[in-house]
Amino acid sequence: MYLKLDDDKIFAAGDMKSRTDSESVIVLLHGAGMDHTFWAYNTRYFLSKGLSVIALDFPGHGNSTGPFLETISEMADWVTACLDLLQADSVALAGHSMGALVALELAGREKERVSRLALLGAGFPMEVSSPLLEAARNDSQAAKDMVVLFGHGSRSYLGGNTIAGMNIMEGALRLLQRSNPGALYNDLNACNEYSNGLEAAKDVGAVTTVICGEQDKMTPVSATAGILEQFVDATLSVIPFSGHMMVSESPELTHRCLVAALLPHV
């Protein structure tokens, strides 16, 4: 569905028709250079259960129009504005990578609104190497290649997809290649410059699950230690053999962790 926010058209995959006053809306936030299709498997599942779910495209990503948002803080402001527009007063919030930082920042601000929080690939600080940032600034194919190579675990290099004929790494590459020029640099730079993670985590009141890939080289499991200590109520789930792209590398196990994190009663 499309939303109108100021003069921009915002796309949100999913549906809110089944929402009741007591039901939390499931909100999914994608990572750098990606869009709502990253969450296609999860969105379809929640819809099949009759639940309200939206997977947002950030401005300038996927089907959403408007200029890029340059900081994690601005992205959190924007998501809040979307939730206000949808009258989503209670949400179960999940984000991957950049989306995880946005979800963290928002949850720290909105204690009453965010009931449950799932952060996937969410080490802090989320530092980005200078070669990757420079390649992304130049909108080079090398930047997309680096994200794909560093973003996947060893099993994905050998295929690893349970569906015959489907290539995990090629799928990620195609998703990055169809992003708008400048999107990957904008997003990586926002992650690199975000500094409020520990303070935001201290303010989070939601039941929180941090989901990491065992072989994540971009946000390794060790990078979650500092942030986990700040949450009031948080657990760590580690996905074996997966890298940073656990949603596509280990879709079934990651999905089960996501459901348990957001909807423990399902």
C-alpha atoms as a PDB file:
ATOM      1  CA  MET A   1       0.000   0.000   0.000  1.00  0.00           C
ATOM      2  CA  TYR A   2       1.009   3.630  -0.478  1.00  0.00           C
ATOM      3  CA  LEU A   3       1.023   6.423   2.074  1.00  0.00           C
ATOM      4  CA  LYS A   4       1.249  10.139   1.411  1.00  0.00           C
ATOM      5  CA  LEU A   5       3.701  11.877   3.728  1.00  0.00           C
ATOM      6  CA  ASP A   6       4.192  15.566   2.976  1.00  0.00           C
ATOM      7  CA  ASP A   7       4.771  15.570  -0.783  1.00  0.00           C
ATOM      8  CA  ASP A   8       6.280  12.101  -0.929  1.00  0.00           C
ATOM      9  CA  LYS A   9       4.745   8.750  -1.806  1.00  0.00           C
ATOM     10  CA  ILE A  10       5.716   6.068   0.695  1.00  0.00           C
ATOM     11  CA  PHE A  11       5.393   2.365  -0.005  1.00  0.00           C
ATOM     12  CA  ALA A  12       4.603  -0.143   2.727  1.00  0.00           C
ATOM     13  CA  ALA A  13       4.270  -3.817   1.834  1.00  0.00           C
ATOM     14  CA  GLY A  14       1.632  -5.564   3.915  1.00  0.00           C
ATOM     15  CA  ASP A  15      -1.777  -4.775   5.310  1.00  0.00           C
ATOM     16  CA  MET A  16      -3.391  -3.240   8.391  1.00  0.00           C
ATOM     17  CA  LYS A  17      -7.002  -4.197   7.737  1.00  0.00           C
ATOM     18  CA  SER A  18      -7.021  -6.841  10.440  1.00  0.00           C
ATOM     19  CA  ARG A  19      -5.745  -4.510  13.164  1.00  0.00           C
ATOM     20  CA  THR A  20      -7.613  -4.292  16.451  1.00  0.00           C
ATOM     21  CA  ASP A  21      -7.127  -1.704  19.167  1.00  0.00           C
ATOM     22  CA  SER A  22      -5.179  -4.174  21.318  1.00  0.00           C
ATOM     23  CA  GLU A  23      -3.022  -5.655  18.552  1.00  0.00           C
ATOM     24  CA  SER A  24       0.504  -4.452  17.861  1.00  0.00           C
ATOM     25  CA  VAL A  25       1.358  -3.652  14.261  1.00  0.00           C
ATOM     26  CA  ILE A  26       4.464  -5.522  13.086  1.00  0.00           C
ATOM     27  CA  VAL A  27       6.862  -3.035  11.471  1.00  0.00           C
ATOM     28  CA  LEU A  28       9.882  -4.218   9.435  1.00  0.00           C
ATOM     29  CA  LEU A  29      12.763  -1.910   8.460  1.00  0.00           C
ATOM     30  CA  HIS A  30      15.258  -2.856   5.742  1.00  0.00           C
ATOM     31  CA  GLY A  31      19.017  -2.368   5.648  1.00  0.00           C
ATOM     32  CA  ALA A  32      21.402  -0.261   3.587  1.00  0.00           C
ATOM     33  CA  GLY A  33      20.669  -0.068  -0.124  1.00  0.00           C
ATOM     34  CA  MET A  34      17.777  -2.512   0.140  1.00  0.00           C
ATOM     35  CA  ASP A  35      13.973  -2.320   0.225  1.00  0.00           C
ATOM     36  CA  HIS A  36      10.819  -4.053   1.473  1.00  0.00           C
ATOM     37  CA  THR A  37      11.437  -7.180  -0.616  1.00  0.00           C
ATOM     38  CA  PHE A  38      14.161  -8.182   1.850  1.00  0.00           C
ATOM     39  CA  TRP A  39      11.284  -9.116   4.192  1.00  0.00           C
ATOM     40  CA  ALA A  40       9.066 -10.855   1.587  1.00  0.00           C
ATOM     41  CA  TYR A  41       9.055 -14.265   3.304  1.00  0.00           C
ATOM     42  CA  ASN A  42       8.317 -12.792   6.727  1.00  0.00           C
ATOM     43  CA  THR A  43       5.685 -10.357   5.494  1.00  0.00           C
ATOM     44  CA  ARG A  44       3.768 -13.132   3.733  1.00  0.00           C
ATOM     45  CA  TYR A  45       3.852 -15.293   6.847  1.00  0.00           C
ATOM     46  CA  PHE A  46       2.453 -12.601   9.143  1.00  0.00           C
ATOM     47  CA  LEU A  47      -0.259 -11.780   6.609  1.00  0.00           C
ATOM     48  CA  SER A  48      -1.189 -15.461   6.363  1.00  0.00           C
ATOM     49  CA  LYS A  49      -1.781 -15.412  10.119  1.00  0.00           C
ATOM     50  CA  GLY A  50      -4.186 -12.510   9.779  1.00  0.00           C
ATOM     51  CA  LEU A  51      -1.786 -10.110  11.483  1.00  0.00           C
ATOM     52  CA  SER A  52      -1.148  -6.469  10.709  1.00  0.00           C
ATOM     53  CA  VAL A  53       2.314  -5.999   9.198  1.00  0.00           C
ATOM     54  CA  ILE A  54       4.067  -3.318   7.166  1.00  0.00           C
ATOM     55  CA  ALA A  55       7.532  -3.447   5.595  1.00  0.00           C
ATOM     56  CA  LEU A  56       8.462   0.137   4.789  1.00  0.00           C
ATOM     57  CA  ASP A  57      10.613   1.416   1.939  1.00  0.00           C
ATOM     58  CA  PHE A  58      12.718   4.323   3.195  1.00  0.00           C
ATOM     59  CA  PRO A  59      12.564   7.459   1.007  1.00  0.00           C
ATOM     60  CA  GLY A  60      14.508   6.994  -2.227  1.00  0.00           C
ATOM     61  CA  HIS A  61      14.420   3.204  -1.796  1.00  0.00           C
ATOM     62  CA  GLY A  62      12.216   0.632  -3.493  1.00  0.00           C
ATOM     63  CA  ASN A  63       8.861   2.184  -4.383  1.00  0.00           C
ATOM     64  CA  SER A  64       9.115   5.207  -2.059  1.00  0.00           C
ATOM     65  CA  THR A  65       9.853   8.655  -3.426  1.00  0.00           C
ATOM     66  CA  GLY A  66      11.602  11.565  -1.768  1.00  0.00           C
ATOM     67  CA  PRO A  67      15.204  12.455  -0.936  1.00  0.00           C
ATOM     68  CA  PHE A  68      17.395  10.142   1.097  1.00  0.00           C
ATOM     69  CA  LEU A  69      17.392  10.612   4.850  1.00  0.00           C
ATOM     70  CA  GLU A  70      21.007  11.216   5.804  1.00  0.00           C
ATOM     71  CA  THR A  71      21.094  10.210   9.469  1.00  0.00           C
ATOM     72  CA  ILE A  72      19.702   7.436  11.647  1.00  0.00           C
ATOM     73  CA  SER A  73      17.956  10.093  13.729  1.00  0.00           C
ATOM     74  CA  GLU A  74      16.167  11.477  10.656  1.00  0.00           C
ATOM     75  CA  MET A  75      15.135   7.972   9.654  1.00  0.00           C
ATOM     76  CA  ALA A  76      13.692   7.336  13.117  1.00  0.00           C
ATOM     77  CA  ASP A  77      11.770  10.625  12.889  1.00  0.00           C
ATOM     78  CA  TRP A  78      10.422   9.543   9.510  1.00  0.00           C
ATOM     79  CA  VAL A  79       9.297   6.099  10.731  1.00  0.00           C
ATOM     80  CA  THR A  80       7.569   7.783  13.668  1.00  0.00           C
ATOM     81  CA  ALA A  81       5.737  10.069  11.239  1.00  0.00           C
ATOM     82  CA  CYS A  82       4.623   7.023   9.222  1.00  0.00           C
ATOM     83  CA  LEU A  83       3.350   5.311  12.373  1.00  0.00           C
ATOM     84  CA  ASP A  84       1.482   8.452  13.375  1.00  0.00           C
ATOM     85  CA  LEU A  85      -0.087   8.582   9.918  1.00  0.00           C
ATOM     86  CA  LEU A  86      -1.192   4.957  10.254  1.00  0.00           C
ATOM     87  CA  GLN A  87      -2.391   5.524  13.833  1.00  0.00           C
ATOM     88  CA  ALA A  88      -0.184   2.619  14.905  1.00  0.00           C
ATOM     89  CA  ASP A  89       0.010   3.285  18.628  1.00  0.00           C
ATOM     90  CA  SER A  90       1.466  -0.114  19.534  1.00  0.00           C
ATOM     91  CA  VAL A  91       4.126  -1.778  17.398  1.00  0.00           C
ATOM     92  CA  ALA A  92       6.365  -4.842  17.388  1.00  0.00           C
ATOM     93  CA  LEU A  93       9.418  -3.478  15.627  1.00  0.00           C
ATOM     94  CA  ALA A  94      12.189  -5.239  13.723  1.00  0.00           C
ATOM     95  CA  GLY A  95      15.095  -3.932  11.681  1.00  0.00           C
ATOM     96  CA  HIS A  96      18.066  -5.369   9.850  1.00  0.00           C
ATOM     97  CA  SER A  97      21.477  -3.662   9.854  1.00  0.00           C
ATOM     98  CA  MET A  98      20.764   0.025   9.150  1.00  0.00           C
ATOM     99  CA  GLY A  99      17.115  -0.708   9.883  1.00  0.00           C
ATOM    100  CA  ALA A 100      18.172  -2.181  13.230  1.00  0.00           C
ATOM    101  CA  LEU A 101      19.856   1.093  14.203  1.00  0.00           C
ATOM    102  CA  VAL A 102      16.724   2.992  13.199  1.00  0.00           C
ATOM    103  CA  ALA A 103      14.568   0.582  15.213  1.00  0.00           C
ATOM    104  CA  LEU A 104      16.905   0.969  18.201  1.00  0.00           C
ATOM    105  CA  GLU A 105      16.796   4.763  18.052  1.00  0.00           C
ATOM    106  CA  LEU A 106      13.017   4.795  17.687  1.00  0.00           C
ATOM    107  CA  ALA A 107      12.444   2.277  20.494  1.00  0.00           C
ATOM    108  CA  GLY A 108      14.599   4.359  22.815  1.00  0.00           C
ATOM    109  CA  ARG A 109      12.391   7.360  22.157  1.00  0.00           C
ATOM    110  CA  GLU A 110       9.017   5.624  22.077  1.00  0.00           C
ATOM    111  CA  LYS A 111       8.785   3.421  25.175  1.00  0.00           C
ATOM    112  CA  GLU A 112       5.010   3.418  25.210  1.00  0.00           C
ATOM    113  CA  ARG A 113       4.666   2.613  21.524  1.00  0.00           C
ATOM    114  CA  VAL A 114       7.230  -0.175  21.000  1.00  0.00           C
ATOM    115  CA  SER A 115       6.208  -3.325  22.878  1.00  0.00           C
ATOM    116  CA  ARG A 116       8.740  -5.751  21.391  1.00  0.00           C
ATOM    117  CA  LEU A 117      11.973  -5.177  19.500  1.00  0.00           C
ATOM    118  CA  ALA A 118      14.052  -7.427  17.229  1.00  0.00           C
ATOM    119  CA  LEU A 119      17.452  -6.223  16.013  1.00  0.00           C
ATOM    120  CA  LEU A 120      19.061  -8.302  13.259  1.00  0.00           C
ATOM    121  CA  GLY A 121      22.714  -7.723  12.371  1.00  0.00           C
ATOM    122  CA  ALA A 122      22.963  -4.899  14.888  1.00  0.00           C
ATOM    123  CA  GLY A 123      26.442  -4.557  16.314  1.00  0.00           C
ATOM    124  CA  PHE A 124      27.369  -1.167  17.745  1.00  0.00           C
ATOM    125  CA  PRO A 125      29.170   0.929  16.788  1.00  0.00           C
ATOM    126  CA  MET A 126      28.365  -0.031  13.205  1.00  0.00           C
ATOM    127  CA  GLU A 127      31.621   1.141  11.673  1.00  0.00           C
ATOM    128  CA  VAL A 128      32.044   0.946   7.907  1.00  0.00           C
ATOM    129  CA  SER A 129      35.513   0.594   6.387  1.00  0.00           C
ATOM    130  CA  SER A 130      36.975   3.493   4.422  1.00  0.00           C
ATOM    131  CA  PRO A 131      37.429   1.445   1.206  1.00  0.00           C
ATOM    132  CA  LEU A 132      33.769   0.412   1.259  1.00  0.00           C
ATOM    133  CA  LEU A 133      32.572   3.951   1.975  1.00  0.00           C
ATOM    134  CA  GLU A 134      34.738   5.365  -0.800  1.00  0.00           C
ATOM    135  CA  ALA A 135      33.562   2.768  -3.312  1.00  0.00           C
ATOM    136  CA  ALA A 136      29.961   3.462  -2.325  1.00  0.00           C
ATOM    137  CA  ARG A 137      30.517   7.235  -2.592  1.00  0.00           C
ATOM    138  CA  ASN A 138      31.622   6.667  -6.195  1.00  0.00           C
ATOM    139  CA  ASP A 139      28.597   4.420  -6.748  1.00  0.00           C
ATOM    140  CA  SER A 140      31.005   1.709  -7.817  1.00  0.00           C
ATOM    141  CA  GLN A 141      30.045  -1.876  -8.531  1.00  0.00           C
ATOM    142  CA  ALA A 142      32.904  -2.768  -6.191  1.00  0.00           C
ATOM    143  CA  ALA A 143      30.884  -1.429  -3.251  1.00  0.00           C
ATOM    144  CA  LYS A 144      28.003  -3.786  -3.975  1.00  0.00           C
ATOM    145  CA  ASP A 145      30.440  -6.652  -4.476  1.00  0.00           C
ATOM    146  CA  MET A 146      32.077  -5.937  -1.119  1.00  0.00           C
ATOM    147  CA  VAL A 147      28.747  -5.891   0.699  1.00  0.00           C
ATOM    148  CA  VAL A 148      27.819  -9.231  -0.837  1.00  0.00           C
ATOM    149  CA  LEU A 149      31.212 -10.856  -0.196  1.00  0.00           C
ATOM    150  CA  PHE A 150      31.588  -9.645   3.375  1.00  0.00           C
ATOM    151  CA  GLY A 151      27.887  -9.945   4.142  1.00  0.00           C
ATOM    152  CA  HIS A 152      27.566 -13.708   3.695  1.00  0.00           C
ATOM    153  CA  GLY A 153      28.821 -16.730   5.587  1.00  0.00           C
ATOM    154  CA  SER A 154      30.961 -19.479   4.076  1.00  0.00           C
ATOM    155  CA  ARG A 155      28.031 -21.763   3.265  1.00  0.00           C
ATOM    156  CA  SER A 156      26.489 -19.156   0.974  1.00  0.00           C
ATOM    157  CA  TYR A 157      29.670 -19.132  -1.140  1.00  0.00           C
ATOM    158  CA  LEU A 158      28.910 -22.755  -2.015  1.00  0.00           C
ATOM    159  CA  GLY A 159      25.228 -22.251  -2.813  1.00  0.00           C
ATOM    160  CA  GLY A 160      23.501 -22.952   0.464  1.00  0.00           C
ATOM    161  CA  ASN A 161      19.963 -22.354  -0.756  1.00  0.00           C
ATOM    162  CA  THR A 162      17.465 -25.107  -0.013  1.00  0.00           C
ATOM    163  CA  ILE A 163      15.517 -24.113  -3.148  1.00  0.00           C
ATOM    164  CA  ALA A 164      17.086 -25.567  -6.298  1.00  0.00           C
ATOM    165  CA  GLY A 165      18.282 -22.970  -8.782  1.00  0.00           C
ATOM    166  CA  MET A 166      18.266 -20.079  -6.299  1.00  0.00           C
ATOM    167  CA  ASN A 167      21.541 -18.327  -5.486  1.00  0.00           C
ATOM    168  CA  ILE A 168      21.665 -16.481  -2.147  1.00  0.00           C
ATOM    169  CA  MET A 169      24.557 -14.151  -3.008  1.00  0.00           C
ATOM    170  CA  GLU A 170      23.278 -13.325  -6.488  1.00  0.00           C
ATOM    171  CA  GLY A 171      19.906 -12.431  -5.003  1.00  0.00           C
ATOM    172  CA  ALA A 172      21.519  -9.942  -2.624  1.00  0.00           C
ATOM    173  CA  LEU A 173      23.619  -8.491  -5.439  1.00  0.00           C
ATOM    174  CA  ARG A 174      20.602  -7.966  -7.688  1.00  0.00           C
ATOM    175  CA  LEU A 175      18.747  -6.214  -4.866  1.00  0.00           C
ATOM    176  CA  LEU A 176      21.652  -3.801  -4.349  1.00  0.00           C
ATOM    177  CA  GLN A 177      22.059  -3.250  -8.094  1.00  0.00           C
ATOM    178  CA  ARG A 178      18.488  -2.063  -8.492  1.00  0.00           C
ATOM    179  CA  SER A 179      18.829   0.543  -5.720  1.00  0.00           C
ATOM    180  CA  ASN A 180      18.916   4.209  -6.685  1.00  0.00           C
ATOM    181  CA  PRO A 181      22.327   5.825  -7.264  1.00  0.00           C
ATOM    182  CA  GLY A 182      23.719   7.112  -3.997  1.00  0.00           C
ATOM    183  CA  ALA A 183      21.448   5.020  -1.781  1.00  0.00           C
ATOM    184  CA  LEU A 184      24.120   2.604  -0.577  1.00  0.00           C
ATOM    185  CA  TYR A 185      26.593   5.362   0.305  1.00  0.00           C
ATOM    186  CA  ASN A 186      23.930   7.413   2.054  1.00  0.00           C
ATOM    187  CA  ASP A 187      22.894   4.446   4.178  1.00  0.00           C
ATOM    188  CA  LEU A 188      26.366   3.150   4.998  1.00  0.00           C
ATOM    189  CA  ASN A 189      27.497   6.635   5.950  1.00  0.00           C
ATOM    190  CA  ALA A 190      24.471   7.045   8.245  1.00  0.00           C
ATOM    191  CA  CYS A 191      25.395   3.773   9.987  1.00  0.00           C
ATOM    192  CA  ASN A 192      29.032   4.791  10.288  1.00  0.00           C
ATOM    193  CA  GLU A 193      28.184   8.155  11.858  1.00  0.00           C
ATOM    194  CA  TYR A 194      25.511   6.963  14.285  1.00  0.00           C
ATOM    195  CA  SER A 195      26.758   7.392  17.847  1.00  0.00           C
ATOM    196  CA  ASN A 196      23.665   7.178  20.056  1.00  0.00           C
ATOM    197  CA  GLY A 197      23.286   3.400  20.221  1.00  0.00           C
ATOM    198  CA  LEU A 198      24.268   2.820  23.842  1.00  0.00           C
ATOM    199  CA  GLU A 199      22.191   5.724  25.122  1.00  0.00           C
ATOM    200  CA  ALA A 200      19.186   4.625  23.042  1.00  0.00           C
ATOM    201  CA  ALA A 201      19.491   1.061  24.362  1.00  0.00           C
ATOM    202  CA  LYS A 202      19.384   2.317  27.949  1.00  0.00           C
ATOM    203  CA  ASP A 203      16.043   3.975  27.213  1.00  0.00           C
ATOM    204  CA  VAL A 204      14.421   0.972  25.505  1.00  0.00           C
ATOM    205  CA  GLY A 205      11.557  -0.489  27.517  1.00  0.00           C
ATOM    206  CA  ALA A 206      10.569  -3.181  25.002  1.00  0.00           C
ATOM    207  CA  VAL A 207      11.372  -6.858  25.346  1.00  0.00           C
ATOM    208  CA  THR A 208      14.340  -7.091  22.992  1.00  0.00           C
ATOM    209  CA  THR A 209      15.959  -9.848  20.952  1.00  0.00           C
ATOM    210  CA  VAL A 210      19.260  -9.348  19.138  1.00  0.00           C
ATOM    211  CA  ILE A 211      19.645 -11.823  16.264  1.00  0.00           C
ATOM    212  CA  CYS A 212      23.160 -12.346  14.894  1.00  0.00           C
ATOM    213  CA  GLY A 213      24.815 -14.496  12.267  1.00  0.00           C
ATOM    214  CA  GLU A 214      27.524 -16.732  13.690  1.00  0.00           C
ATOM    215  CA  GLN A 215      29.833 -15.817  10.778  1.00  0.00           C
ATOM    216  CA  ASP A 216      28.822 -12.160  10.478  1.00  0.00           C
ATOM    217  CA  LYS A 217      31.916 -10.176   9.462  1.00  0.00           C
ATOM    218  CA  MET A 218      30.100  -6.831   9.208  1.00  0.00           C
ATOM    219  CA  THR A 219      28.456  -6.794  12.648  1.00  0.00           C
ATOM    220  CA  PRO A 220      30.097  -9.739  14.434  1.00  0.00           C
ATOM    221  CA  VAL A 221      28.571 -11.359  17.481  1.00  0.00           C
ATOM    222  CA  SER A 222      31.304  -9.773  19.617  1.00  0.00           C
ATOM    223  CA  ALA A 223      30.038  -6.321  18.581  1.00  0.00           C
ATOM    224  CA  THR A 224      26.731  -6.943  20.367  1.00  0.00           C
ATOM    225  CA  ALA A 225      28.260  -7.314  23.837  1.00  0.00           C
ATOM    226  CA  GLY A 226      28.299  -3.647  24.784  1.00  0.00           C
ATOM    227  CA  ILE A 227      24.806  -2.921  23.575  1.00  0.00           C
ATOM    228  CA  LEU A 228      23.249  -6.033  25.128  1.00  0.00           C
ATOM    229  CA  GLU A 229      24.367  -4.881  28.556  1.00  0.00           C
ATOM    230  CA  GLN A 230      22.366  -1.666  28.213  1.00  0.00           C
ATOM    231  CA  PHE A 231      18.920  -3.175  27.618  1.00  0.00           C
ATOM    232  CA  VAL A 232      16.556  -3.778  30.509  1.00  0.00           C
ATOM    233  CA  ASP A 233      15.320  -7.060  29.005  1.00  0.00           C
ATOM    234  CA  ALA A 234      17.278  -8.563  26.113  1.00  0.00           C
ATOM    235  CA  THR A 235      18.359 -11.942  24.782  1.00  0.00           C
ATOM    236  CA  LEU A 236      20.815 -12.941  22.063  1.00  0.00           C
ATOM    237  CA  SER A 237      20.012 -15.472  19.339  1.00  0.00           C
ATOM    238  CA  VAL A 238      22.866 -16.659  17.120  1.00  0.00           C
ATOM    239  CA  ILE A 239      22.134 -18.185  13.700  1.00  0.00           C
ATOM    240  CA  PRO A 240      24.677 -20.951  12.921  1.00  0.00           C
ATOM    241  CA  PHE A 241      26.695 -20.729   9.681  1.00  0.00           C
ATOM    242  CA  SER A 242      25.072 -17.406   8.687  1.00  0.00           C
ATOM    243  CA  GLY A 243      26.699 -14.108   7.944  1.00  0.00           C
ATOM    244  CA  HIS A 244      25.152 -10.641   8.029  1.00  0.00           C
ATOM    245  CA  MET A 245      22.363 -11.600   5.604  1.00  0.00           C
ATOM    246  CA  MET A 246      20.801 -14.218   7.875  1.00  0.00           C
ATOM    247  CA  VAL A 247      17.271 -13.455   6.627  1.00  0.00           C
ATOM    248  CA  SER A 248      18.142 -14.946   3.228  1.00  0.00           C
ATOM    249  CA  GLU A 249      21.004 -17.250   4.298  1.00  0.00           C
ATOM    250  CA  SER A 250      19.029 -19.126   6.958  1.00  0.00           C
ATOM    251  CA  PRO A 251      15.449 -18.032   6.294  1.00  0.00           C
ATOM    252  CA  GLU A 252      13.604 -20.682   8.308  1.00  0.00           C
ATOM    253  CA  LEU A 253      15.657 -20.459  11.496  1.00  0.00           C
ATOM    254  CA  THR A 254      15.896 -16.668  11.338  1.00  0.00           C
ATOM    255  CA  HIS A 255      12.165 -16.446  10.759  1.00  0.00           C
ATOM    256  CA  ARG A 256      11.430 -18.623  13.781  1.00  0.00           C
ATOM    257  CA  CYS A 257      13.655 -16.377  15.896  1.00  0.00           C
ATOM    258  CA  LEU A 258      11.866 -13.323  14.519  1.00  0.00           C
ATOM    259  CA  VAL A 259       8.420 -14.728  15.290  1.00  0.00           C
ATOM    260  CA  ALA A 260       9.479 -15.663  18.812  1.00  0.00           C
ATOM    261  CA  ALA A 261      10.914 -12.173  19.301  1.00  0.00           C
ATOM    262  CA  LEU A 262       7.903 -10.250  18.032  1.00  0.00           C
ATOM    263  CA  LEU A 263       4.996 -12.596  18.723  1.00  0.00           C
ATOM    264  CA  PRO A 264       5.874 -15.125  21.420  1.00  0.00           C
ATOM    265  CA  HIS A 265       2.231 -16.219  21.675  1.00  0.00           C
ATOM    266  CA  VAL A 266       2.032 -17.351  18.020  1.00  0.00           C
END
